[in-house]
Amino acid sequence: MKKLFFLTLIITLSIQFNQAQSIEGSWKGELAVMGQKIPLIVHFSEKEGEWSGKMDSPNQGAMGIAMRKVLFDGTMISFEMSMGNASYEGLLLGEQIKGNFSQSGMSIPLDF
């Protein structure tokens, strides 16, 4: 009986935890490339079940770079950039998104 209670509790808590997770808003990270740290800011919004986003690279003077194919399932997130043949895949872990930024065949860790 105790096992059933704890199993039910764990399932309930994990469902509530996943439902409470959202990427909506702005997230900051630093991309480490060839000894340099490039600050990046991503902005996500959701409308009628569809996610969209934009990225800023302040040091490069690039603001509002459109994302396409923004996907978020409550845990996993991915997007492609509309320019630069770049993409990102990551996991939402509490208050942090941990993942990898890919461009031109290179994959670089990038956390927001």
C-alpha atoms as a PDB file:
ATOM      1  CA  MET A   1       0.000   0.000   0.000  1.00  0.00           C
ATOM      2  CA  LYS A   2       2.857   2.406   0.820  1.00  0.00           C
ATOM      3  CA  LYS A   3       4.448   1.736  -2.576  1.00  0.00           C
ATOM      4  CA  LEU A   4       1.220   2.628  -4.369  1.00  0.00           C
ATOM      5  CA  PHE A   5       0.883   5.852  -2.352  1.00  0.00           C
ATOM      6  CA  PHE A   6       4.453   6.964  -3.125  1.00  0.00           C
ATOM      7  CA  LEU A   7       4.129   6.036  -6.795  1.00  0.00           C
ATOM      8  CA  THR A   8       0.925   8.077  -7.054  1.00  0.00           C
ATOM      9  CA  LEU A   9       2.575  11.006  -5.249  1.00  0.00           C
ATOM     10  CA  ILE A  10       5.599  10.961  -7.551  1.00  0.00           C
ATOM     11  CA  ILE A  11       3.445  10.844 -10.684  1.00  0.00           C
ATOM     12  CA  THR A  12       1.243  13.685  -9.431  1.00  0.00           C
ATOM     13  CA  LEU A  13       4.208  15.876  -8.523  1.00  0.00           C
ATOM     14  CA  SER A  14       5.956  15.263 -11.847  1.00  0.00           C
ATOM     15  CA  ILE A  15       2.795  16.154 -13.784  1.00  0.00           C
ATOM     16  CA  GLN A  16       2.391  19.369 -11.792  1.00  0.00           C
ATOM     17  CA  PHE A  17       6.100  20.192 -12.201  1.00  0.00           C
ATOM     18  CA  ASN A  18       5.942  19.732 -15.996  1.00  0.00           C
ATOM     19  CA  GLN A  19       2.783  21.812 -16.298  1.00  0.00           C
ATOM     20  CA  ALA A  20       4.343  24.679 -14.347  1.00  0.00           C
ATOM     21  CA  GLN A  21       7.407  24.838 -16.609  1.00  0.00           C
ATOM     22  CA  SER A  22       7.476  27.514 -19.295  1.00  0.00           C
ATOM     23  CA  ILE A  23      10.096  29.177 -21.444  1.00  0.00           C
ATOM     24  CA  GLU A  24       8.017  32.304 -22.018  1.00  0.00           C
ATOM     25  CA  GLY A  25      10.046  35.461 -21.510  1.00  0.00           C
ATOM     26  CA  SER A  26      13.710  36.396 -21.945  1.00  0.00           C
ATOM     27  CA  TRP A  27      16.716  34.179 -21.200  1.00  0.00           C
ATOM     28  CA  LYS A  28      20.412  35.183 -21.095  1.00  0.00           C
ATOM     29  CA  GLY A  29      23.414  33.043 -21.927  1.00  0.00           C
ATOM     30  CA  GLU A  30      27.023  33.246 -23.097  1.00  0.00           C
ATOM     31  CA  LEU A  31      28.376  31.386 -26.083  1.00  0.00           C
ATOM     32  CA  ALA A  32      32.093  30.564 -25.667  1.00  0.00           C
ATOM     33  CA  VAL A  33      33.726  30.577 -29.105  1.00  0.00           C
ATOM     34  CA  MET A  34      37.476  30.648 -29.792  1.00  0.00           C
ATOM     35  CA  GLY A  35      38.341  32.205 -26.439  1.00  0.00           C
ATOM     36  CA  GLN A  36      35.575  34.797 -26.602  1.00  0.00           C
ATOM     37  CA  LYS A  37      32.307  34.936 -24.681  1.00  0.00           C
ATOM     38  CA  ILE A  38      29.422  36.193 -26.775  1.00  0.00           C
ATOM     39  CA  PRO A  39      26.348  37.239 -24.763  1.00  0.00           C
ATOM     40  CA  LEU A  40      23.084  36.046 -26.277  1.00  0.00           C
ATOM     41  CA  ILE A  41      19.531  36.814 -25.216  1.00  0.00           C
ATOM     42  CA  VAL A  42      16.561  34.775 -26.435  1.00  0.00           C
ATOM     43  CA  HIS A  43      12.949  35.884 -26.167  1.00  0.00           C
ATOM     44  CA  PHE A  44      10.128  33.332 -26.345  1.00  0.00           C
ATOM     45  CA  SER A  45       6.388  33.834 -26.560  1.00  0.00           C
ATOM     46  CA  GLU A  46       3.452  31.506 -27.034  1.00  0.00           C
ATOM     47  CA  LYS A  47       0.186  32.284 -28.785  1.00  0.00           C
ATOM     48  CA  GLU A  48      -2.594  29.758 -29.309  1.00  0.00           C
ATOM     49  CA  GLY A  49      -0.246  26.839 -28.707  1.00  0.00           C
ATOM     50  CA  GLU A  50       2.409  28.046 -31.158  1.00  0.00           C
ATOM     51  CA  TRP A  51       5.839  29.159 -29.919  1.00  0.00           C
ATOM     52  CA  SER A  52       7.873  31.928 -31.511  1.00  0.00           C
ATOM     53  CA  GLY A  53      11.107  33.629 -30.622  1.00  0.00           C
ATOM     54  CA  LYS A  54      13.837  36.113 -31.398  1.00  0.00           C
ATOM     55  CA  MET A  55      17.503  36.314 -30.436  1.00  0.00           C
ATOM     56  CA  ASP A  56      19.715  39.288 -29.626  1.00  0.00           C
ATOM     57  CA  SER A  57      23.503  39.346 -29.839  1.00  0.00           C
ATOM     58  CA  PRO A  58      24.263  42.772 -28.307  1.00  0.00           C
ATOM     59  CA  ASN A  59      28.050  42.643 -28.792  1.00  0.00           C
ATOM     60  CA  GLN A  60      27.553  41.982 -32.486  1.00  0.00           C
ATOM     61  CA  GLY A  61      24.866  44.652 -32.852  1.00  0.00           C
ATOM     62  CA  ALA A  62      22.344  42.035 -33.979  1.00  0.00           C
ATOM     63  CA  MET A  63      18.924  42.453 -32.398  1.00  0.00           C
ATOM     64  CA  GLY A  64      15.630  40.684 -33.036  1.00  0.00           C
ATOM     65  CA  ILE A  65      17.011  37.820 -35.125  1.00  0.00           C
ATOM     66  CA  ALA A  66      13.924  35.762 -35.993  1.00  0.00           C
ATOM     67  CA  MET A  67      13.689  32.113 -35.003  1.00  0.00           C
ATOM     68  CA  ARG A  68      11.763  29.502 -36.916  1.00  0.00           C
ATOM     69  CA  LYS A  69      10.500  26.080 -35.938  1.00  0.00           C
ATOM     70  CA  VAL A  70      10.424  26.923 -32.229  1.00  0.00           C
ATOM     71  CA  LEU A  71       9.343  23.729 -30.443  1.00  0.00           C
ATOM     72  CA  PHE A  72       8.732  23.270 -26.724  1.00  0.00           C
ATOM     73  CA  ASP A  73       7.052  20.263 -25.104  1.00  0.00           C
ATOM     74  CA  GLY A  74       7.368  21.269 -21.444  1.00  0.00           C
ATOM     75  CA  THR A  75      10.905  19.907 -21.151  1.00  0.00           C
ATOM     76  CA  MET A  76      12.704  19.873 -24.497  1.00  0.00           C
ATOM     77  CA  ILE A  77      13.230  23.001 -26.570  1.00  0.00           C
ATOM     78  CA  SER A  78      14.588  23.451 -30.058  1.00  0.00           C
ATOM     79  CA  PHE A  79      14.701  26.225 -32.621  1.00  0.00           C
ATOM     80  CA  GLU A  80      16.378  27.216 -35.844  1.00  0.00           C
ATOM     81  CA  MET A  81      17.618  30.660 -36.737  1.00  0.00           C
ATOM     82  CA  SER A  82      16.224  32.327 -39.844  1.00  0.00           C
ATOM     83  CA  MET A  83      19.760  33.382 -40.773  1.00  0.00           C
ATOM     84  CA  GLY A  84      23.220  31.917 -40.263  1.00  0.00           C
ATOM     85  CA  ASN A  85      22.220  28.246 -40.620  1.00  0.00           C
ATOM     86  CA  ALA A  86      22.164  27.837 -36.830  1.00  0.00           C
ATOM     87  CA  SER A  87      20.044  25.785 -34.435  1.00  0.00           C
ATOM     88  CA  TYR A  88      19.651  25.028 -30.748  1.00  0.00           C
ATOM     89  CA  GLU A  89      18.500  21.997 -28.769  1.00  0.00           C
ATOM     90  CA  GLY A  90      18.155  21.981 -25.010  1.00  0.00           C
ATOM     91  CA  LEU A  91      16.281  20.910 -21.905  1.00  0.00           C
ATOM     92  CA  LEU A  92      14.444  23.106 -19.449  1.00  0.00           C
ATOM     93  CA  LEU A  93      15.772  22.182 -16.022  1.00  0.00           C
ATOM     94  CA  GLY A  94      14.086  24.350 -13.414  1.00  0.00           C
ATOM     95  CA  GLU A  95      15.272  27.933 -13.914  1.00  0.00           C
ATOM     96  CA  GLN A  96      17.828  27.017 -16.587  1.00  0.00           C
ATOM     97  CA  ILE A  97      17.871  25.822 -20.187  1.00  0.00           C
ATOM     98  CA  LYS A  98      20.877  23.563 -20.824  1.00  0.00           C
ATOM     99  CA  GLY A  99      21.764  22.627 -24.374  1.00  0.00           C
ATOM    100  CA  ASN A 100      23.898  23.005 -27.471  1.00  0.00           C
ATOM    101  CA  PHE A 101      24.090  25.679 -30.154  1.00  0.00           C
ATOM    102  CA  SER A 102      24.982  24.326 -33.605  1.00  0.00           C
ATOM    103  CA  GLN A 103      26.278  26.270 -36.590  1.00  0.00           C
ATOM    104  CA  SER A 104      28.309  25.286 -39.647  1.00  0.00           C
ATOM    105  CA  GLY A 105      28.910  21.751 -38.371  1.00  0.00           C
ATOM    106  CA  MET A 106      30.084  22.884 -34.909  1.00  0.00           C
ATOM    107  CA  SER A 107      28.158  22.114 -31.714  1.00  0.00           C
ATOM    108  CA  ILE A 108      28.903  24.344 -28.704  1.00  0.00           C
ATOM    109  CA  PRO A 109      27.406  24.107 -25.194  1.00  0.00           C
ATOM    110  CA  LEU A 110      25.087  27.026 -24.457  1.00  0.00           C
ATOM    111  CA  ASP A 111      23.008  27.434 -21.315  1.00  0.00           C
ATOM    112  CA  PHE A 112      20.418  30.132 -20.690  1.00  0.00           C
END
